[in-house]
PDB file of N, CA and C in Angstrom:
ATOM      1  N   MET A   1      98.634  92.031  61.672  1.00  0.00           N
ATOM      2  CA  MET A   1      99.754  92.293  62.548  1.00  0.00           C
ATOM      3  C   MET A   1     100.772  93.127  61.788  1.00  0.00           C
ATOM      4  N   LEU A   2     101.327  94.084  62.476  1.00  0.00           N
ATOM      5  CA  LEU A   2     102.322  94.964  61.891  1.00  0.00           C
ATOM      6  C   LEU A   2     103.706  94.418  62.218  1.00  0.00           C
ATOM      7  N   TYR A   3     104.556  94.310  61.220  1.00  0.00           N
ATOM      8  CA  TYR A   3     105.914  93.810  61.415  1.00  0.00           C
ATOM      9  C   TYR A   3     106.894  94.898  61.014  1.00  0.00           C
ATOM     10  N   VAL A   4     107.742  95.278  61.942  1.00  0.00           N
ATOM     11  CA  VAL A   4     108.760  96.281  61.668  1.00  0.00           C
ATOM     12  C   VAL A   4     110.116  95.582  61.727  1.00  0.00           C
ATOM     13  N   PRO A   5     110.790  95.463  60.584  1.00  0.00           N
ATOM     14  CA  PRO A   5     112.089  94.778  60.614  1.00  0.00           C
ATOM     15  C   PRO A   5     113.124  95.599  61.380  1.00  0.00           C
ATOM     16  N   PHE A   6     113.906  94.910  62.165  1.00  0.00           N
ATOM     17  CA  PHE A   6     114.949  95.574  62.933  1.00  0.00           C
ATOM     18  C   PHE A   6     116.216  94.747  62.845  1.00  0.00           C
ATOM     19  N   VAL A   7     117.259  95.375  62.382  1.00  0.00           N
ATOM     20  CA  VAL A   7     118.551  94.714  62.322  1.00  0.00           C
ATOM     21  C   VAL A   7     119.425  95.385  63.379  1.00  0.00           C
ATOM     22  N   PRO A   8     119.786  94.644  64.437  1.00  0.00           N
ATOM     23  CA  PRO A   8     120.597  95.264  65.475  1.00  0.00           C
ATOM     24  C   PRO A   8     121.970  95.641  64.927  1.00  0.00           C
ATOM     25  N   PRO A   9     122.504  96.753  65.371  1.00  0.00           N
ATOM     26  CA  PRO A   9     123.819  97.156  64.888  1.00  0.00           C
ATOM     27  C   PRO A   9     124.878  96.152  65.312  1.00  0.00           C
ATOM     28  N   ALA A  10     125.844  95.954  64.445  1.00  0.00           N
ATOM     29  CA  ALA A  10     126.928  95.031  64.757  1.00  0.00           C
ATOM     30  C   ALA A  10     127.770  95.602  65.888  1.00  0.00           C
ATOM     31  N   ALA A  11     128.105  94.745  66.824  1.00  0.00           N
ATOM     32  CA  ALA A  11     128.915  95.192  67.955  1.00  0.00           C
ATOM     33  C   ALA A  11     130.339  95.457  67.466  1.00  0.00           C
ATOM     34  N   THR A  12     130.813  96.655  67.758  1.00  0.00           N
ATOM     35  CA  THR A  12     132.177  96.985  67.379  1.00  0.00           C
ATOM     36  C   THR A  12     133.075  96.774  68.585  1.00  0.00           C
ATOM     37  N   PRO A  13     134.234  96.215  68.375  1.00  0.00           N
ATOM     38  CA  PRO A  13     135.123  95.993  69.519  1.00  0.00           C
ATOM     39  C   PRO A  13     135.616  97.329  70.072  1.00  0.00           C
ATOM     40  N   PRO A  14     135.865  97.378  71.369  1.00  0.00           N
ATOM     41  CA  PRO A  14     136.341  98.637  71.949  1.00  0.00           C
ATOM     42  C   PRO A  14     137.717  99.005  71.406  1.00  0.00           C
ATOM     43  N   SER A  15     137.956 100.302  71.317  1.00  0.00           N
ATOM     44  CA  SER A  15     139.236 100.774  70.807  1.00  0.00           C
ATOM     45  C   SER A  15     140.332 100.499  71.834  1.00  0.00           C
ATOM     46  N   PRO A  16     141.584 100.550  71.422  1.00  0.00           N
ATOM     47  CA  PRO A  16     142.678 100.352  72.376  1.00  0.00           C
ATOM     48  C   PRO A  16     142.653 101.370  73.525  1.00  0.00           C
ATOM     49  N   ARG A  17     142.288 102.621  73.216  1.00  0.00           N
ATOM     50  CA  ARG A  17     142.195 103.628  74.283  1.00  0.00           C
ATOM     51  C   ARG A  17     141.108 103.263  75.277  1.00  0.00           C
ATOM     52  N   THR A  18     139.975 102.759  74.770  1.00  0.00           N
ATOM     53  CA  THR A  18     138.880 102.364  75.653  1.00  0.00           C
ATOM     54  C   THR A  18     139.316 101.228  76.566  1.00  0.00           C
ATOM     55  N   ARG A  19     140.001 100.238  75.997  1.00  0.00           N
ATOM     56  CA  ARG A  19     140.483  99.112  76.806  1.00  0.00           C
ATOM     57  C   ARG A  19     141.503  99.584  77.843  1.00  0.00           C
ATOM     58  N   GLU A  20     142.388 100.496  77.442  1.00  0.00           N
ATOM     59  CA  GLU A  20     143.396 101.003  78.364  1.00  0.00           C
ATOM     60  C   GLU A  20     142.742 101.756  79.524  1.00  0.00           C
ATOM     61  N   LEU A  21     141.776 102.618  79.219  1.00  0.00           N
ATOM     62  CA  LEU A  21     141.089 103.372  80.260  1.00  0.00           C
ATOM     63  C   LEU A  21     140.310 102.436  81.181  1.00  0.00           C
ATOM     64  N   ALA A  22     139.640 101.445  80.614  1.00  0.00           N
ATOM     65  CA  ALA A  22     138.887 100.481  81.426  1.00  0.00           C
ATOM     66  C   ALA A  22     139.830  99.720  82.352  1.00  0.00           C
ATOM     67  N   ASP A  23     140.994  99.343  81.858  1.00  0.00           N
ATOM     68  CA  ASP A  23     141.978  98.636  82.679  1.00  0.00           C
ATOM     69  C   ASP A  23     142.451  99.527  83.822  1.00  0.00           C
ATOM     70  N   LEU A  24     142.757 100.787  83.513  1.00  0.00           N
ATOM     71  CA  LEU A  24     143.212 101.729  84.535  1.00  0.00           C
ATOM     72  C   LEU A  24     142.133 101.967  85.592  1.00  0.00           C
ATOM     73  N   LEU A  25     140.894 102.193  85.146  1.00  0.00           N
ATOM     74  CA  LEU A  25     139.796 102.396  86.093  1.00  0.00           C
ATOM     75  C   LEU A  25     139.586 101.150  86.949  1.00  0.00           C
ATOM     76  N   GLY A  26     139.673  99.990  86.330  1.00  0.00           N
ATOM     77  CA  GLY A  26     139.513  98.738  87.071  1.00  0.00           C
ATOM     78  C   GLY A  26     140.562  98.581  88.152  1.00  0.00           C
ATOM     79  N   ARG A  27     141.825  98.920  87.845  1.00  0.00           N
ATOM     80  CA  ARG A  27     142.890  98.827  88.845  1.00  0.00           C
ATOM     81  C   ARG A  27     142.657  99.813  89.991  1.00  0.00           C
ATOM     82  N   VAL A  28     142.222 101.033  89.656  1.00  0.00           N
ATOM     83  CA  VAL A  28     141.960 102.023  90.704  1.00  0.00           C
ATOM     84  C   VAL A  28     140.814 101.552  91.600  1.00  0.00           C
ATOM     85  N   ILE A  29     139.769 101.013  91.013  1.00  0.00           N
ATOM     86  CA  ILE A  29     138.629 100.529  91.795  1.00  0.00           C
ATOM     87  C   ILE A  29     139.048  99.360  92.680  1.00  0.00           C
ATOM     88  N   GLU A  30     139.833  98.420  92.131  1.00  0.00           N
ATOM     89  CA  GLU A  30     140.308  97.290  92.941  1.00  0.00           C
ATOM     90  C   GLU A  30     141.144  97.776  94.122  1.00  0.00           C
ATOM     91  N   GLU A  31     142.025  98.738  93.880  1.00  0.00           N
ATOM     92  CA  GLU A  31     142.861  99.283  94.948  1.00  0.00           C
ATOM     93  C   GLU A  31     141.992  99.959  96.010  1.00  0.00           C
ATOM     94  N   TYR A  32     140.997 100.711  95.592  1.00  0.00           N
ATOM     95  CA  TYR A  32     140.104 101.376  96.539  1.00  0.00           C
ATOM     96  C   TYR A  32     139.336 100.342  97.357  1.00  0.00           C
ATOM     97  N   GLU A  33     138.865  99.287  96.695  1.00  0.00           N
ATOM     98  CA  GLU A  33     138.109  98.247  97.401  1.00  0.00           C
ATOM     99  C   GLU A  33     138.980  97.515  98.425  1.00  0.00           C
ATOM    100  N   LYS A  34     140.290  97.397  98.162  1.00  0.00           N
ATOM    101  CA  LYS A  34     141.189  96.773  99.142  1.00  0.00           C
ATOM    102  C   LYS A  34     141.240  97.601 100.420  1.00  0.00           C
ATOM    103  N   HIS A  35     141.296  98.913 100.279  1.00  0.00           N
ATOM    104  CA  HIS A  35     141.401  99.797 101.435  1.00  0.00           C
ATOM    105  C   HIS A  35     140.058 100.118 102.067  1.00  0.00           C
ATOM    106  N   HIS A  36     138.985  99.954 101.318  1.00  0.00           N
ATOM    107  CA  HIS A  36     137.631 100.242 101.823  1.00  0.00           C
ATOM    108  C   HIS A  36     136.720  99.062 101.456  1.00  0.00           C
ATOM    109  N   PRO A  37     136.803  97.952 102.194  1.00  0.00           N
ATOM    110  CA  PRO A  37     136.042  96.747 101.824  1.00  0.00           C
ATOM    111  C   PRO A  37     134.521  96.903 101.937  1.00  0.00           C
ATOM    112  N   ALA A  38     134.047  97.927 102.611  1.00  0.00           N
ATOM    113  CA  ALA A  38     132.600  98.103 102.782  1.00  0.00           C
ATOM    114  C   ALA A  38     131.945  98.792 101.589  1.00  0.00           C
ATOM    115  N   VAL A  39     132.750  99.250 100.606  1.00  0.00           N
ATOM    116  CA  VAL A  39     132.169  99.948  99.456  1.00  0.00           C
ATOM    117  C   VAL A  39     131.279  98.982  98.670  1.00  0.00           C
ATOM    118  N   THR A  40     130.139  99.497  98.197  1.00  0.00           N
ATOM    119  CA  THR A  40     129.173  98.649  97.477  1.00  0.00           C
ATOM    120  C   THR A  40     129.258  98.895  95.972  1.00  0.00           C
ATOM    121  N   GLY A  41     128.685  97.983  95.207  1.00  0.00           N
ATOM    122  CA  GLY A  41     128.641  98.121  93.753  1.00  0.00           C
ATOM    123  C   GLY A  41     127.944  99.394  93.303  1.00  0.00           C
ATOM    124  N   PRO A  42     126.774  99.722  93.869  1.00  0.00           N
ATOM    125  CA  PRO A  42     126.115 100.974  93.472  1.00  0.00           C
ATOM    126  C   PRO A  42     126.964 102.213  93.769  1.00  0.00           C
ATOM    127  N   GLU A  43     127.727 102.179  94.865  1.00  0.00           N
ATOM    128  CA  GLU A  43     128.599 103.315  95.160  1.00  0.00           C
ATOM    129  C   GLU A  43     129.695 103.450  94.107  1.00  0.00           C
ATOM    130  N   VAL A  44     130.247 102.324  93.689  1.00  0.00           N
ATOM    131  CA  VAL A  44     131.296 102.350  92.665  1.00  0.00           C
ATOM    132  C   VAL A  44     130.724 102.882  91.362  1.00  0.00           C
ATOM    133  N   ARG A  45     129.535 102.390  90.968  1.00  0.00           N
ATOM    134  CA  ARG A  45     128.924 102.859  89.716  1.00  0.00           C
ATOM    135  C   ARG A  45     128.605 104.349  89.784  1.00  0.00           C
ATOM    136  N   ALA A  46     128.109 104.809  90.931  1.00  0.00           N
ATOM    137  CA  ALA A  46     127.807 106.236  91.083  1.00  0.00           C
ATOM    138  C   ALA A  46     129.088 107.067  90.991  1.00  0.00           C
ATOM    139  N   ALA A  47     130.168 106.572  91.580  1.00  0.00           N
ATOM    140  CA  ALA A  47     131.437 107.304  91.521  1.00  0.00           C
ATOM    141  C   ALA A  47     131.973 107.366  90.100  1.00  0.00           C
ATOM    142  N   VAL A  48     131.869 106.265  89.366  1.00  0.00           N
ATOM    143  CA  VAL A  48     132.329 106.258  87.973  1.00  0.00           C
ATOM    144  C   VAL A  48     131.490 107.220  87.144  1.00  0.00           C
ATOM    145  N   ARG A  49     130.179 107.240  87.387  1.00  0.00           N
ATOM    146  CA  ARG A  49     129.288 108.152  86.660  1.00  0.00           C
ATOM    147  C   ARG A  49     129.633 109.606  86.979  1.00  0.00           C
ATOM    148  N   MET A  50     129.897 109.909  88.256  1.00  0.00           N
ATOM    149  CA  MET A  50     130.262 111.272  88.635  1.00  0.00           C
ATOM    150  C   MET A  50     131.583 111.682  87.990  1.00  0.00           C
ATOM    151  N   ALA A  51     132.536 110.753  87.944  1.00  0.00           N
ATOM    152  CA  ALA A  51     133.822 111.061  87.320  1.00  0.00           C
ATOM    153  C   ALA A  51     133.642 111.300  85.823  1.00  0.00           C
ATOM    154  N   ALA A  52     132.777 110.526  85.186  1.00  0.00           N
ATOM    155  CA  ALA A  52     132.533 110.708  83.749  1.00  0.00           C
ATOM    156  C   ALA A  52     131.875 112.056  83.482  1.00  0.00           C
ATOM    157  N   GLU A  53     130.993 112.505  84.380  1.00  0.00           N
ATOM    158  CA  GLU A  53     130.334 113.799  84.202  1.00  0.00           C
ATOM    159  C   GLU A  53     131.318 114.950  84.334  1.00  0.00           C
ATOM    160  N   ARG A  54     132.349 114.775  85.155  1.00  0.00           N
ATOM    161  CA  ARG A  54     133.360 115.822  85.310  1.00  0.00           C
ATOM    162  C   ARG A  54     134.322 115.871  84.133  1.00  0.00           C
ATOM    163  N   SER A  55     134.325 114.825  83.335  1.00  0.00           N
ATOM    164  CA  SER A  55     135.231 114.777  82.191  1.00  0.00           C
ATOM    165  C   SER A  55     134.900 115.892  81.211  1.00  0.00           C
ATOM    166  N   SER A  56     135.921 116.456  80.606  1.00  0.00           N
ATOM    167  CA  SER A  56     135.698 117.530  79.637  1.00  0.00           C
ATOM    168  C   SER A  56     135.055 117.000  78.361  1.00  0.00           C
ATOM    169  N   ARG A  57     135.047 115.717  78.180  1.00  0.00           N
ATOM    170  CA  ARG A  57     134.475 115.119  76.971  1.00  0.00           C
ATOM    171  C   ARG A  57     133.078 114.556  77.199  1.00  0.00           C
ATOM    172  N   SER A  58     132.513 114.802  78.371  1.00  0.00           N
ATOM    173  CA  SER A  58     131.180 114.310  78.684  1.00  0.00           C
ATOM    174  C   SER A  58     130.133 115.031  77.848  1.00  0.00           C
ATOM    175  N   SER A  59     129.060 114.331  77.489  1.00  0.00           N
ATOM    176  CA  SER A  59     127.991 114.947  76.696  1.00  0.00           C
ATOM    177  C   SER A  59     126.960 115.637  77.575  1.00  0.00           C
ATOM    178  N   PHE A  60     127.044 115.465  78.899  1.00  0.00           N
ATOM    179  CA  PHE A  60     126.035 116.049  79.770  1.00  0.00           C
ATOM    180  C   PHE A  60     125.992 117.572  79.709  1.00  0.00           C
ATOM    181  N   PRO A  61     127.127 118.283  79.680  1.00  0.00           N
ATOM    182  CA  PRO A  61     127.020 119.749  79.603  1.00  0.00           C
ATOM    183  C   PRO A  61     126.260 120.216  78.366  1.00  0.00           C
ATOM    184  N   GLN A  62     126.412 119.548  77.244  1.00  0.00           N
ATOM    185  CA  GLN A  62     125.674 119.930  76.050  1.00  0.00           C
ATOM    186  C   GLN A  62     124.177 119.708  76.249  1.00  0.00           C
ATOM    187  N   LEU A  63     123.808 118.638  76.933  1.00  0.00           N
ATOM    188  CA  LEU A  63     122.389 118.394  77.204  1.00  0.00           C
ATOM    189  C   LEU A  63     121.831 119.471  78.122  1.00  0.00           C
ATOM    190  N   ARG A  64     122.606 119.865  79.115  1.00  0.00           N
ATOM    191  CA  ARG A  64     122.163 120.910  80.033  1.00  0.00           C
ATOM    192  C   ARG A  64     121.933 122.213  79.272  1.00  0.00           C
ATOM    193  N   VAL A  65     122.842 122.535  78.368  1.00  0.00           N
ATOM    194  CA  VAL A  65     122.709 123.751  77.561  1.00  0.00           C
ATOM    195  C   VAL A  65     121.476 123.643  76.662  1.00  0.00           C
ATOM    196  N   ALA A  66     121.265 122.477  76.050  1.00  0.00           N
ATOM    197  CA  ALA A  66     120.116 122.297  75.161  1.00  0.00           C
ATOM    198  C   ALA A  66     118.805 122.476  75.921  1.00  0.00           C
ATOM    199  N   VAL A  67     118.714 121.920  77.118  1.00  0.00           N
ATOM    200  CA  VAL A  67     117.499 122.072  77.918  1.00  0.00           C
ATOM    201  C   VAL A  67     117.313 123.530  78.322  1.00  0.00           C
ATOM    202  N   GLY A  68     118.395 124.205  78.692  1.00  0.00           N
ATOM    203  CA  GLY A  68     118.314 125.616  79.063  1.00  0.00           C
ATOM    204  C   GLY A  68     117.860 126.487  77.907  1.00  0.00           C
ATOM    205  N   VAL A  69     118.412 126.247  76.720  1.00  0.00           N
ATOM    206  CA  VAL A  69     118.018 127.020  75.537  1.00  0.00           C
ATOM    207  C   VAL A  69     116.551 126.750  75.198  1.00  0.00           C
ATOM    208  N   ALA A  70     116.144 125.489  75.281  1.00  0.00           N
ATOM    209  CA  ALA A  70     114.750 125.158  74.986  1.00  0.00           C
ATOM    210  C   ALA A  70     113.812 125.843  75.983  1.00  0.00           C
ATOM    211  N   ALA A  71     114.190 125.881  77.258  1.00  0.00           N
ATOM    212  CA  ALA A  71     113.355 126.553  78.258  1.00  0.00           C
ATOM    213  C   ALA A  71     113.278 128.053  77.985  1.00  0.00           C
ATOM    214  N   ALA A  72     114.397 128.662  77.590  1.00  0.00           N
ATOM    215  CA  ALA A  72     114.399 130.093  77.292  1.00  0.00           C
ATOM    216  C   ALA A  72     113.532 130.410  76.078  1.00  0.00           C
ATOM    217  N   VAL A  73     113.632 129.583  75.051  1.00  0.00           N
ATOM    218  CA  VAL A  73     112.813 129.790  73.846  1.00  0.00           C
ATOM    219  C   VAL A  73     111.333 129.613  74.184  1.00  0.00           C
ATOM    220  N   LEU A  74     111.029 128.615  74.986  1.00  0.00           N
ATOM    221  CA  LEU A  74     109.643 128.383  75.396  1.00  0.00           C
ATOM    222  C   LEU A  74     109.100 129.575  76.187  1.00  0.00           C
ATOM    223  N   ALA A  75     109.886 130.074  77.121  1.00  0.00           N
ATOM    224  CA  ALA A  75     109.450 131.227  77.921  1.00  0.00           C
ATOM    225  C   ALA A  75     109.292 132.474  77.047  1.00  0.00           C
ATOM    226  N   ALA A  76     110.222 132.711  76.132  1.00  0.00           N
ATOM    227  CA  ALA A  76     110.129 133.878  75.242  1.00  0.00           C
ATOM    228  C   ALA A  76     108.908 133.776  74.335  1.00  0.00           C
ATOM    229  N   GLY A  77     108.638 132.590  73.830  1.00  0.00           N
ATOM    230  CA  GLY A  77     107.466 132.399  72.980  1.00  0.00           C
ATOM    231  C   GLY A  77     106.170 132.625  73.725  1.00  0.00           C
ATOM    232  N   LEU A  78     106.108 132.131  74.959  1.00  0.00           N
ATOM    233  CA  LEU A  78     104.908 132.331  75.767  1.00  0.00           C
ATOM    234  C   LEU A  78     104.728 133.814  76.094  1.00  0.00           C
ATOM    235  N   PHE A  79     105.816 134.495  76.429  1.00  0.00           N
ATOM    236  CA  PHE A  79     105.749 135.929  76.698  1.00  0.00           C
ATOM    237  C   PHE A  79     105.267 136.690  75.468  1.00  0.00           C
ATOM    238  N   ALA A  80     105.809 136.353  74.298  1.00  0.00           N
ATOM    239  CA  ALA A  80     105.399 137.038  73.067  1.00  0.00           C
ATOM    240  C   ALA A  80     103.925 136.785  72.763  1.00  0.00           C
ATOM    241  N   LEU A  81     103.471 135.565  72.989  1.00  0.00           N
ATOM    242  CA  LEU A  81     102.070 135.227  72.746  1.00  0.00           C
ATOM    243  C   LEU A  81     101.154 136.038  73.667  1.00  0.00           C
ATOM    244  N   LEU A  82     101.498 136.106  74.923  1.00  0.00           N
ATOM    245  CA  LEU A  82     100.677 136.866  75.867  1.00  0.00           C
ATOM    246  C   LEU A  82     100.736 138.370  75.591  1.00  0.00           C
ATOM    247  N   ALA A  83     101.919 138.877  75.215  1.00  0.00           N
ATOM    248  CA  ALA A  83     102.059 140.302  74.917  1.00  0.00           C
ATOM    249  C   ALA A  83     101.255 140.684  73.678  1.00  0.00           C
ATOM    250  N   ALA A  84     101.205 139.811  72.697  1.00  0.00           N
ATOM    251  CA  ALA A  84     100.477 140.103  71.462  1.00  0.00           C
ATOM    252  C   ALA A  84      98.968 140.065  71.675  1.00  0.00           C
ATOM    253  N   ASN A  85      98.521 139.371  72.717  1.00  0.00           N
ATOM    254  CA  ASN A  85      97.075 139.242  72.965  1.00  0.00           C
ATOM    255  C   ASN A  85      96.653 139.943  74.250  1.00  0.00           C
ATOM    256  N   GLU A  86      97.367 140.979  74.611  1.00  0.00           N
ATOM    257  CA  GLU A  86      97.037 141.807  75.771  1.00  0.00           C
ATOM    258  C   GLU A  86      96.909 140.996  77.060  1.00  0.00           C
ATOM    259  N   GLY A  87      97.790 140.020  77.235  1.00  0.00           N
ATOM    260  CA  GLY A  87      97.819 139.239  78.465  1.00  0.00           C
ATOM    261  C   GLY A  87      96.835 138.090  78.531  1.00  0.00           C
ATOM    262  N   ARG A  88      96.087 137.869  77.464  1.00  0.00           N
ATOM    263  CA  ARG A  88      95.118 136.768  77.452  1.00  0.00           C
ATOM    264  C   ARG A  88      95.656 135.629  76.596  1.00  0.00           C
ATOM    265  N   MET A  89      95.301 134.403  76.988  1.00  0.00           N
ATOM    266  CA  MET A  89      95.701 133.225  76.233  1.00  0.00           C
ATOM    267  C   MET A  89      94.600 132.901  75.234  1.00  0.00           C
ATOM    268  N   PRO A  90      94.888 133.027  73.918  1.00  0.00           N
ATOM    269  CA  PRO A  90      93.858 132.688  72.928  1.00  0.00           C
ATOM    270  C   PRO A  90      93.557 131.184  72.954  1.00  0.00           C
ATOM    271  N   GLN A  91      92.292 130.837  72.816  1.00  0.00           N
ATOM    272  CA  GLN A  91      91.876 129.435  72.869  1.00  0.00           C
ATOM    273  C   GLN A  91      92.514 128.604  71.760  1.00  0.00           C
ATOM    274  N   THR A  92      92.821 129.223  70.629  1.00  0.00           N
ATOM    275  CA  THR A  92      93.425 128.463  69.526  1.00  0.00           C
ATOM    276  C   THR A  92      94.882 128.108  69.824  1.00  0.00           C
ATOM    277  N   ALA A  93      95.514 128.785  70.772  1.00  0.00           N
ATOM    278  CA  ALA A  93      96.921 128.513  71.079  1.00  0.00           C
ATOM    279  C   ALA A  93      97.091 127.389  72.095  1.00  0.00           C
ATOM    280  N   VAL A  94      96.043 127.005  72.793  1.00  0.00           N
ATOM    281  CA  VAL A  94      96.151 126.014  73.861  1.00  0.00           C
ATOM    282  C   VAL A  94      96.642 124.657  73.338  1.00  0.00           C
ATOM    283  N   PRO A  95      96.089 124.095  72.248  1.00  0.00           N
ATOM    284  CA  PRO A  95      96.596 122.803  71.772  1.00  0.00           C
ATOM    285  C   PRO A  95      98.062 122.869  71.343  1.00  0.00           C
ATOM    286  N   VAL A  96      98.447 123.946  70.685  1.00  0.00           N
ATOM    287  CA  VAL A  96      99.829 124.085  70.243  1.00  0.00           C
ATOM    288  C   VAL A  96     100.748 124.207  71.459  1.00  0.00           C
ATOM    289  N   LEU A  97     100.321 124.957  72.448  1.00  0.00           N
ATOM    290  CA  LEU A  97     101.105 125.116  73.664  1.00  0.00           C
ATOM    291  C   LEU A  97     101.256 123.772  74.382  1.00  0.00           C
ATOM    292  N   ALA A  98     100.210 122.974  74.400  1.00  0.00           N
ATOM    293  CA  ALA A  98     100.285 121.653  75.028  1.00  0.00           C
ATOM    294  C   ALA A  98     101.296 120.761  74.310  1.00  0.00           C
ATOM    295  N   ILE A  99     101.328 120.812  72.995  1.00  0.00           N
ATOM    296  CA  ILE A  99     102.287 120.013  72.218  1.00  0.00           C
ATOM    297  C   ILE A  99     103.714 120.480  72.502  1.00  0.00           C
ATOM    298  N   VAL A 100     103.916 121.788  72.533  1.00  0.00           N
ATOM    299  CA  VAL A 100     105.255 122.331  72.808  1.00  0.00           C
ATOM    300  C   VAL A 100     105.714 121.936  74.207  1.00  0.00           C
ATOM    301  N   LEU A 101     104.832 122.018  75.193  1.00  0.00           N
ATOM    302  CA  LEU A 101     105.187 121.616  76.550  1.00  0.00           C
ATOM    303  C   LEU A 101     105.505 120.125  76.628  1.00  0.00           C
ATOM    304  N   ALA A 102     104.767 119.305  75.889  1.00  0.00           N
ATOM    305  CA  ALA A 102     105.039 117.868  75.872  1.00  0.00           C
ATOM    306  C   ALA A 102     106.411 117.591  75.256  1.00  0.00           C
ATOM    307  N   LEU A 103     106.749 118.275  74.172  1.00  0.00           N
ATOM    308  CA  LEU A 103     108.064 118.096  73.562  1.00  0.00           C
ATOM    309  C   LEU A 103     109.178 118.548  74.504  1.00  0.00           C
ATOM    310  N   PHE A 104     108.953 119.636  75.217  1.00  0.00           N
ATOM    311  CA  PHE A 104     109.932 120.103  76.195  1.00  0.00           C
ATOM    312  C   PHE A 104     110.098 119.070  77.308  1.00  0.00           C
ATOM    313  N   ALA A 105     109.008 118.489  77.765  1.00  0.00           N
ATOM    314  CA  ALA A 105     109.081 117.462  78.803  1.00  0.00           C
ATOM    315  C   ALA A 105     109.886 116.254  78.323  1.00  0.00           C
ATOM    316  N   VAL A 106     109.697 115.873  77.061  1.00  0.00           N
ATOM    317  CA  VAL A 106     110.472 114.762  76.502  1.00  0.00           C
ATOM    318  C   VAL A 106     111.959 115.113  76.495  1.00  0.00           C
ATOM    319  N   LEU A 107     112.297 116.335  76.121  1.00  0.00           N
ATOM    320  CA  LEU A 107     113.693 116.770  76.116  1.00  0.00           C
ATOM    321  C   LEU A 107     114.285 116.700  77.522  1.00  0.00           C
ATOM    322  N   VAL A 108     113.535 117.125  78.513  1.00  0.00           N
ATOM    323  CA  VAL A 108     114.019 117.074  79.892  1.00  0.00           C
ATOM    324  C   VAL A 108     114.212 115.627  80.334  1.00  0.00           C
ATOM    325  N   VAL A 109     113.278 114.748  79.988  1.00  0.00           N
ATOM    326  CA  VAL A 109     113.395 113.338  80.362  1.00  0.00           C
ATOM    327  C   VAL A 109     114.612 112.700  79.707  1.00  0.00           C
ATOM    328  N   VAL A 110     114.846 113.009  78.439  1.00  0.00           N
ATOM    329  CA  VAL A 110     116.017 112.480  77.747  1.00  0.00           C
ATOM    330  C   VAL A 110     117.294 112.978  78.408  1.00  0.00           C
ATOM    331  N   ALA A 111     117.328 114.245  78.768  1.00  0.00           N
ATOM    332  CA  ALA A 111     118.507 114.800  79.437  1.00  0.00           C
ATOM    333  C   ALA A 111     118.735 114.119  80.778  1.00  0.00           C
ATOM    334  N   MET A 112     117.669 113.880  81.522  1.00  0.00           N
ATOM    335  CA  MET A 112     117.806 113.214  82.811  1.00  0.00           C
ATOM    336  C   MET A 112     118.250 111.768  82.640  1.00  0.00           C
ATOM    337  N   ALA A 113     117.730 111.097  81.611  1.00  0.00           N
ATOM    338  CA  ALA A 113     118.130 109.712  81.366  1.00  0.00           C
ATOM    339  C   ALA A 113     119.603 109.644  80.970  1.00  0.00           C
ATOM    340  N   LYS A 114     120.053 110.583  80.155  1.00  0.00           N
ATOM    341  CA  LYS A 114     121.461 110.630  79.769  1.00  0.00           C
ATOM    342  C   LYS A 114     122.337 110.865  80.978  1.00  0.00           C
ATOM    343  N   ARG A 115     121.893 111.768  81.835  1.00  0.00           N
ATOM    344  CA  ARG A 115     122.678 112.082  83.029  1.00  0.00           C
ATOM    345  C   ARG A 115     122.744 110.886  83.956  1.00  0.00           C
ATOM    346  N   GLY A 116     121.649 110.118  84.000  1.00  0.00           N
ATOM    347  CA  GLY A 116     121.608 108.960  84.883  1.00  0.00           C
ATOM    348  C   GLY A 116     122.428 107.797  84.403  1.00  0.00           C
ATOM    349  N   GLY A 117     123.091 107.933  83.293  1.00  0.00           N
ATOM    350  CA  GLY A 117     123.959 106.878  82.813  1.00  0.00           C
ATOM    351  C   GLY A 117     123.398 106.128  81.641  1.00  0.00           C
ATOM    352  N   GLY A 118     122.277 106.586  81.097  1.00  0.00           N
ATOM    353  CA  GLY A 118     121.678 105.916  79.960  1.00  0.00           C
ATOM    354  C   GLY A 118     122.321 106.190  78.682  1.00  0.00           C
TER     355      GLY A 118
END
């Protein structure tokens, strides 16, 4: 049996700014729920996620740029490969291309997971 030791990171208490923002968001949500009692928990979470994405400090725009750059590099590399071989795909390049496409797919999945609130 293989044993991989894992020490979970120590939980750090939220900063005063984090607590202040959470308190402010909580008050706004409570006020909204008073005026709109039919609002559901998933709607509130989706709204908070959308507001976080609009924030100038959100990490999502950087992920979008990273995925875009990776797609451009992948397309340029494929174009160069085909141009160098007169439009034919060499059989030796297929495994490498499959690995590159798999890595790109992982990058896209990570970006989507981050965007989804992960």
